[in-house]
Amino acid sequence: MAAIKILTSAGLFLAFCSLCLLAMAICTDYWYETDARRHRERCKNYANNRNDPGYIYISNHNLPLQMPPNGIEAKPGPVAKPLPRERRHLVAAASTMESHCSRQYNSTISGLWRKCHRDGFDLETDDLIYKGLIQRCTPVRYHYSSSVLPKNLPVNITKTIRQDEWHALHLRRMTAGFVGMAVSIILFGWIVGVLGCCQQHDLMQYVAGLLFLMGGTCCIISLCTCVAGINFELSRYPRYLYGLPEDISHGYGWSMFCAWGGLGLTLLAGFLCTLAPSLSGPSSRTVVHKPRHENGTV
């Protein structure tokens, strides 16, 4: 009996800790983080170089990039020599940098309910927030709205963006819905487990363990859809609207790790609570002997 009480108490304690971690993850906004400070500095340096009075832009399309060998004169004609590999890489990098710098990227944190600018990362953005021109946080949408679609785009691209928006919305709804179901099931299982521990009822403890495992399953679905939704947002078409440049660091925050920690504790609590009733000996179980039928008599 002592081993049963220890396992049940440990399972209920782990389930309570998992509830705290999941509640902390739901109420905070550090599921996904981006850091655009290095990208903004590179764009500022690139803009300063372009505005330098000593900078002269010369088109490379119609000018030779290499001197011809001695004794060989360049033949006149409209055909220009191809760019060397190094120069082609520089031109491609410059055009890519210019296209990325044409769009402003901010350092943000995202949760289940809102997306916020990170405090102290972008001084210009913080100044605009202090003046009240923009908001620190914006709510995450769980309903479809056509106002978020970019304007002046071709019909095929607009249709693709609309379909992707519906798919991303479906993933966000699944993430929030299943994590809410997980918390509700784990809380109900914890109440059942506490009642079973107080009344020393093995069946209630076993049911509590099954509920913990069911809540862990819902939590797994929620976290997997969250990761799938983030990856889908980064790979949406067109890439110049939804993708991130390589010099912007991004990743999961501590809220996501709290949710994964709550998932692990929930599964461990379910294992302990389902294992505890199996350790009860035959003496603790009430055995009812039915009368045997002999010679056709009752």
Protein backbone atom coordinates (compact mmCIF):
# COMPACT_ATOMS: atom_id res chain seq x y z
CA MET A 1 0.00 0.00 0.00
CA ALA A 2 2.87 2.40 0.69
CA ALA A 3 4.23 1.94 -2.83
CA ILE A 4 0.78 2.60 -4.30
CA LYS A 5 0.40 5.83 -2.35
CA ILE A 6 3.89 6.98 -3.33
CA LEU A 7 3.30 6.33 -7.03
CA THR A 8 -0.14 7.93 -6.98
CA SER A 9 1.08 10.98 -5.07
CA ALA A 10 4.04 11.37 -7.43
CA GLY A 11 1.75 11.09 -10.45
CA LEU A 12 -0.65 13.70 -9.11
CA PHE A 13 2.21 16.04 -8.24
CA LEU A 14 3.67 15.72 -11.75
CA ALA A 15 0.23 16.32 -13.26
CA PHE A 16 -0.12 19.49 -11.17
CA CYS A 17 3.31 20.68 -12.34
CA SER A 18 2.36 19.97 -15.95
CA LEU A 19 -0.81 22.02 -15.52
CA CYS A 20 1.26 24.93 -14.24
CA LEU A 21 3.69 24.69 -17.17
CA LEU A 22 0.90 24.46 -19.75
CA ALA A 23 -0.95 27.40 -18.17
CA MET A 24 2.26 29.42 -18.24
CA ALA A 25 2.82 28.54 -21.89
CA ILE A 26 -0.75 29.49 -22.84
CA CYS A 27 -0.67 32.83 -21.03
CA THR A 28 2.75 33.99 -22.32
CA ASP A 29 3.84 35.12 -25.80
CA TYR A 30 7.26 33.53 -26.18
CA TRP A 31 6.36 30.64 -28.46
CA TYR A 32 8.25 31.97 -31.47
CA GLU A 33 10.87 34.75 -31.54
CA THR A 34 12.63 36.72 -34.28
CA ASP A 35 15.69 38.96 -33.95
CA ALA A 36 16.17 41.43 -36.82
CA ARG A 37 18.88 43.61 -35.28
CA ARG A 38 21.68 42.27 -37.45
CA HIS A 39 19.55 42.62 -40.60
CA ARG A 40 18.66 46.23 -39.77
CA GLU A 41 22.30 47.10 -39.17
CA ARG A 42 23.30 45.60 -42.51
CA CYS A 43 20.55 47.54 -44.28
CA LYS A 44 21.66 50.77 -42.59
CA ASN A 45 25.25 50.20 -43.66
CA TYR A 46 24.10 49.36 -47.19
CA ALA A 47 21.99 52.54 -47.34
CA ASN A 48 24.88 54.65 -46.05
CA ASN A 49 27.16 53.25 -48.74
CA ARG A 50 24.60 54.03 -51.43
CA ASN A 51 24.20 57.61 -50.15
CA ASP A 52 27.94 58.22 -49.89
CA PRO A 53 28.94 61.13 -52.25
CA GLY A 54 31.96 59.13 -53.37
CA TYR A 55 29.77 56.21 -54.49
CA ILE A 56 29.26 56.13 -58.26
CA TYR A 57 26.87 53.64 -59.78
CA ILE A 58 27.98 52.30 -63.17
CA SER A 59 25.91 49.77 -65.05
CA ASN A 60 27.78 46.56 -65.74
CA HIS A 61 25.64 45.31 -68.58
CA ASN A 62 27.43 46.98 -71.50
CA LEU A 63 30.99 47.40 -70.21
CA PRO A 64 33.86 44.92 -70.41
CA LEU A 65 34.95 43.63 -67.01
CA GLN A 66 38.37 42.31 -68.02
CA MET A 67 41.20 43.72 -70.06
CA PRO A 68 41.91 41.70 -73.20
CA PRO A 69 45.24 39.89 -73.39
CA ASN A 70 48.21 41.64 -74.95
CA GLY A 71 48.14 41.67 -78.74
CA ILE A 72 44.41 41.02 -78.92
CA GLU A 73 42.08 43.90 -79.44
CA ALA A 74 38.49 43.81 -78.46
CA LYS A 75 36.24 43.44 -81.44
CA PRO A 76 33.56 46.08 -81.71
CA GLY A 77 30.08 44.78 -81.58
CA PRO A 78 26.89 44.89 -79.54
CA VAL A 79 27.60 41.58 -77.76
CA ALA A 80 29.08 42.05 -74.28
CA LYS A 81 31.25 39.54 -72.52
CA PRO A 82 29.62 37.47 -69.78
CA LEU A 83 30.23 38.50 -66.20
CA PRO A 84 32.90 36.63 -64.28
CA ARG A 85 31.68 34.32 -61.54
CA GLU A 86 32.85 36.59 -58.72
CA ARG A 87 31.21 39.66 -60.23
CA ARG A 88 27.98 37.76 -60.88
CA HIS A 89 27.87 36.74 -57.22
CA LEU A 90 28.42 40.32 -56.10
CA VAL A 91 25.71 41.67 -58.37
CA ALA A 92 23.26 38.96 -57.25
CA ALA A 93 24.05 39.61 -53.58
CA ALA A 94 23.58 43.36 -54.03
CA SER A 95 20.20 42.92 -55.76
CA THR A 96 19.07 40.46 -53.08
CA MET A 97 20.14 42.80 -50.29
CA GLU A 98 18.33 45.70 -51.93
CA SER A 99 15.11 43.69 -52.27
CA HIS A 100 15.29 42.57 -48.62
CA CYS A 101 16.00 46.08 -47.36
CA SER A 102 13.00 47.45 -49.23
CA ARG A 103 10.81 45.71 -46.65
CA GLN A 104 11.04 46.50 -42.95
CA TYR A 105 11.54 43.54 -40.61
CA ASN A 106 11.03 43.89 -36.86
CA SER A 107 12.10 41.82 -33.89
CA THR A 108 8.93 40.15 -32.62
CA ILE A 109 7.62 37.54 -30.21
CA SER A 110 4.51 35.49 -30.97
CA GLY A 111 2.16 33.49 -28.80
CA LEU A 112 -1.23 31.88 -29.13
CA TRP A 113 -3.15 35.12 -28.69
CA ARG A 114 -0.95 38.02 -29.78
CA LYS A 115 2.20 39.11 -31.59
CA CYS A 116 4.38 41.81 -30.02
CA HIS A 117 7.43 43.91 -30.82
CA ARG A 118 10.38 43.04 -28.59
CA ASP A 119 11.25 45.74 -26.10
CA GLY A 120 14.71 47.27 -26.53
CA PHE A 121 15.58 45.58 -29.82
CA ASP A 122 14.53 48.26 -32.34
CA LEU A 123 14.95 51.80 -31.05
CA GLU A 124 13.02 53.37 -33.92
CA THR A 125 10.09 51.05 -33.35
CA ASP A 126 10.17 51.69 -29.60
CA ASP A 127 10.05 55.43 -30.28
CA LEU A 128 6.99 55.01 -32.49
CA ILE A 129 5.32 52.87 -29.82
CA TYR A 130 6.12 55.50 -27.18
CA LYS A 131 4.53 58.20 -29.37
CA GLY A 132 1.43 56.04 -29.83
CA LEU A 133 1.78 55.74 -33.59
CA ILE A 134 1.87 51.93 -33.54
CA GLN A 135 0.82 49.34 -30.99
CA ARG A 136 3.21 47.13 -29.05
CA CYS A 137 1.05 44.02 -29.56
CA THR A 138 -1.51 42.98 -32.12
CA PRO A 139 -3.98 40.10 -31.60
CA VAL A 140 -3.58 36.85 -33.49
CA ARG A 141 -6.52 36.33 -35.81
CA TYR A 142 -8.61 33.18 -35.53
CA HIS A 143 -11.11 34.30 -38.17
CA TYR A 144 -10.68 34.89 -41.86
CA SER A 145 -10.49 38.45 -43.14
CA SER A 146 -9.85 39.51 -46.73
CA SER A 147 -8.45 42.88 -45.59
CA VAL A 148 -5.07 41.31 -44.82
CA LEU A 149 -4.51 40.33 -48.45
CA PRO A 150 -1.93 42.49 -50.27
CA LYS A 151 -3.32 44.78 -52.94
CA ASN A 152 -2.35 45.16 -56.61
CA LEU A 153 -1.30 41.55 -57.08
CA PRO A 154 -2.13 39.23 -59.98
CA VAL A 155 -5.24 37.10 -59.68
CA ASN A 156 -3.37 33.78 -59.46
CA ILE A 157 -1.11 35.06 -56.67
CA THR A 158 -4.09 36.49 -54.77
CA LYS A 159 -5.89 33.15 -55.02
CA THR A 160 -2.81 31.31 -53.74
CA ILE A 161 -2.45 33.70 -50.80
CA ARG A 162 -6.14 33.26 -49.93
CA GLN A 163 -5.84 29.47 -49.91
CA ASP A 164 -2.65 29.63 -47.82
CA GLU A 165 -4.37 32.00 -45.40
CA TRP A 166 -7.18 29.49 -44.85
CA HIS A 167 -4.67 26.69 -44.29
CA ALA A 168 -2.62 28.76 -41.79
CA LEU A 169 -5.82 29.76 -40.00
CA HIS A 170 -6.84 26.09 -39.71
CA LEU A 171 -3.45 25.20 -38.16
CA ARG A 172 -3.71 28.04 -35.64
CA ARG A 173 -7.20 26.92 -34.62
CA MET A 174 -6.03 23.34 -34.15
CA THR A 175 -3.10 24.51 -32.00
CA ALA A 176 -5.25 26.58 -29.66
CA GLY A 177 -8.11 24.08 -29.57
CA PHE A 178 -6.07 21.01 -28.75
CA VAL A 179 -3.96 22.71 -26.09
CA GLY A 180 -7.20 23.87 -24.43
CA MET A 181 -8.56 20.32 -24.58
CA ALA A 182 -5.30 19.03 -23.08
CA VAL A 183 -5.50 21.37 -20.10
CA SER A 184 -9.17 20.54 -19.49
CA ILE A 185 -8.62 16.77 -19.63
CA ILE A 186 -5.53 16.91 -17.38
CA LEU A 187 -7.40 19.07 -14.84
CA PHE A 188 -10.35 16.66 -14.80
CA GLY A 189 -7.98 13.69 -14.44
CA TRP A 190 -6.20 15.40 -11.55
CA ILE A 191 -9.50 15.91 -9.72
CA VAL A 192 -10.45 12.26 -10.29
CA GLY A 193 -7.01 11.14 -9.10
CA VAL A 194 -7.23 13.20 -5.90
CA LEU A 195 -10.68 11.75 -5.10
CA GLY A 196 -9.43 8.24 -5.81
CA CYS A 197 -6.40 8.78 -3.58
CA CYS A 198 -8.56 10.07 -0.72
CA GLN A 199 -11.03 7.17 -0.99
CA GLN A 200 -8.30 4.62 -1.86
CA HIS A 201 -10.20 3.62 -4.98
CA ASP A 202 -7.96 1.84 -7.47
CA LEU A 203 -10.33 2.26 -10.40
CA MET A 204 -10.44 6.05 -10.05
CA GLN A 205 -6.66 6.20 -9.95
CA TYR A 206 -6.47 4.11 -13.08
CA VAL A 207 -9.02 6.34 -14.84
CA ALA A 208 -6.98 9.40 -13.81
CA GLY A 209 -3.89 7.87 -15.41
CA LEU A 210 -5.80 7.23 -18.63
CA LEU A 211 -7.04 10.82 -18.64
CA PHE A 212 -3.46 12.07 -18.22
CA LEU A 213 -2.36 10.00 -21.21
CA MET A 214 -5.30 11.30 -23.23
CA GLY A 215 -4.40 14.89 -22.31
CA GLY A 216 -0.81 14.24 -23.32
CA THR A 217 -2.02 13.02 -26.71
CA CYS A 218 -3.96 16.25 -27.26
CA CYS A 219 -0.89 18.22 -26.21
CA ILE A 220 1.25 16.35 -28.76
CA ILE A 221 -1.23 17.21 -31.53
CA SER A 222 -1.26 20.86 -30.47
CA LEU A 223 2.52 21.23 -30.43
CA CYS A 224 2.94 19.41 -33.74
CA THR A 225 0.38 21.66 -35.44
CA CYS A 226 2.09 24.71 -33.93
CA VAL A 227 5.45 23.71 -35.41
CA ALA A 228 3.78 22.87 -38.73
CA GLY A 229 2.04 26.26 -38.76
CA ILE A 230 5.29 28.16 -38.18
CA ASN A 231 7.09 26.23 -40.92
CA PHE A 232 4.16 26.78 -43.26
CA GLU A 233 4.18 30.54 -42.62
CA LEU A 234 7.88 30.73 -43.49
CA SER A 235 7.43 28.76 -46.71
CA ARG A 236 4.38 30.59 -48.06
CA TYR A 237 4.33 32.03 -51.56
CA PRO A 238 5.41 34.64 -52.59
CA ARG A 239 8.59 34.32 -50.57
CA TYR A 240 9.41 38.05 -50.59
CA LEU A 241 6.23 38.72 -48.60
CA TYR A 242 6.31 35.88 -46.05
CA GLY A 243 9.88 34.55 -45.95
CA LEU A 244 12.70 35.79 -43.73
CA PRO A 245 16.20 36.80 -44.86
CA GLU A 246 19.08 34.61 -43.76
CA ASP A 247 20.52 37.23 -41.41
CA ILE A 248 17.37 37.32 -39.25
CA SER A 249 17.68 34.82 -36.42
CA HIS A 250 14.46 33.10 -35.39
CA GLY A 251 13.47 30.16 -33.22
CA TYR A 252 11.22 28.87 -30.48
CA GLY A 253 11.00 30.64 -27.14
CA TRP A 254 10.73 29.46 -23.57
CA SER A 255 6.93 29.27 -23.72
CA MET A 256 7.22 26.50 -26.30
CA PHE A 257 9.70 24.65 -24.08
CA CYS A 258 7.30 25.01 -21.12
CA ALA A 259 4.62 23.34 -23.23
CA TRP A 260 6.97 20.48 -24.16
CA GLY A 261 7.96 20.12 -20.50
CA GLY A 262 4.29 19.96 -19.50
CA LEU A 263 3.77 17.27 -22.13
CA GLY A 264 6.58 15.14 -20.69
CA LEU A 265 5.33 15.48 -17.12
CA THR A 266 1.79 14.62 -18.20
CA LEU A 267 2.86 11.39 -19.88
CA LEU A 268 4.99 10.43 -16.87
CA ALA A 269 2.07 11.15 -14.51
CA GLY A 270 -0.22 8.98 -16.61
CA PHE A 271 2.29 6.13 -16.52
CA LEU A 272 2.63 6.31 -12.72
CA CYS A 273 -1.11 6.54 -12.06
CA THR A 274 -1.93 3.59 -14.32
CA LEU A 275 0.92 1.55 -12.80
CA ALA A 276 -0.08 2.13 -9.18
CA PRO A 277 -3.32 0.02 -9.12
CA SER A 278 -1.50 -2.98 -10.57
CA LEU A 279 0.74 -3.14 -7.48
CA SER A 280 -2.15 -3.83 -5.11
CA GLY A 281 -1.97 -7.37 -3.73
CA PRO A 282 -4.78 -9.94 -3.80
CA SER A 283 -5.43 -9.45 -0.09
CA SER A 284 -6.55 -5.86 -0.65
CA ARG A 285 -9.13 -6.87 -3.23
CA THR A 286 -12.56 -8.06 -2.21
CA VAL A 287 -13.23 -11.51 -3.65
CA VAL A 288 -16.84 -12.67 -3.93
CA HIS A 289 -17.34 -16.45 -4.24
CA LYS A 290 -20.39 -17.50 -6.14
CA PRO A 291 -22.15 -20.73 -5.12
CA ARG A 292 -21.45 -23.65 -7.38
CA HIS A 293 -24.24 -25.49 -9.13
CA GLU A 294 -24.18 -29.14 -8.18
CA ASN A 295 -26.43 -31.86 -9.58
CA GLY A 296 -28.65 -29.35 -11.32
CA THR A 297 -29.73 -27.68 -8.06
CA VAL A 298 -29.51 -24.00 -7.27
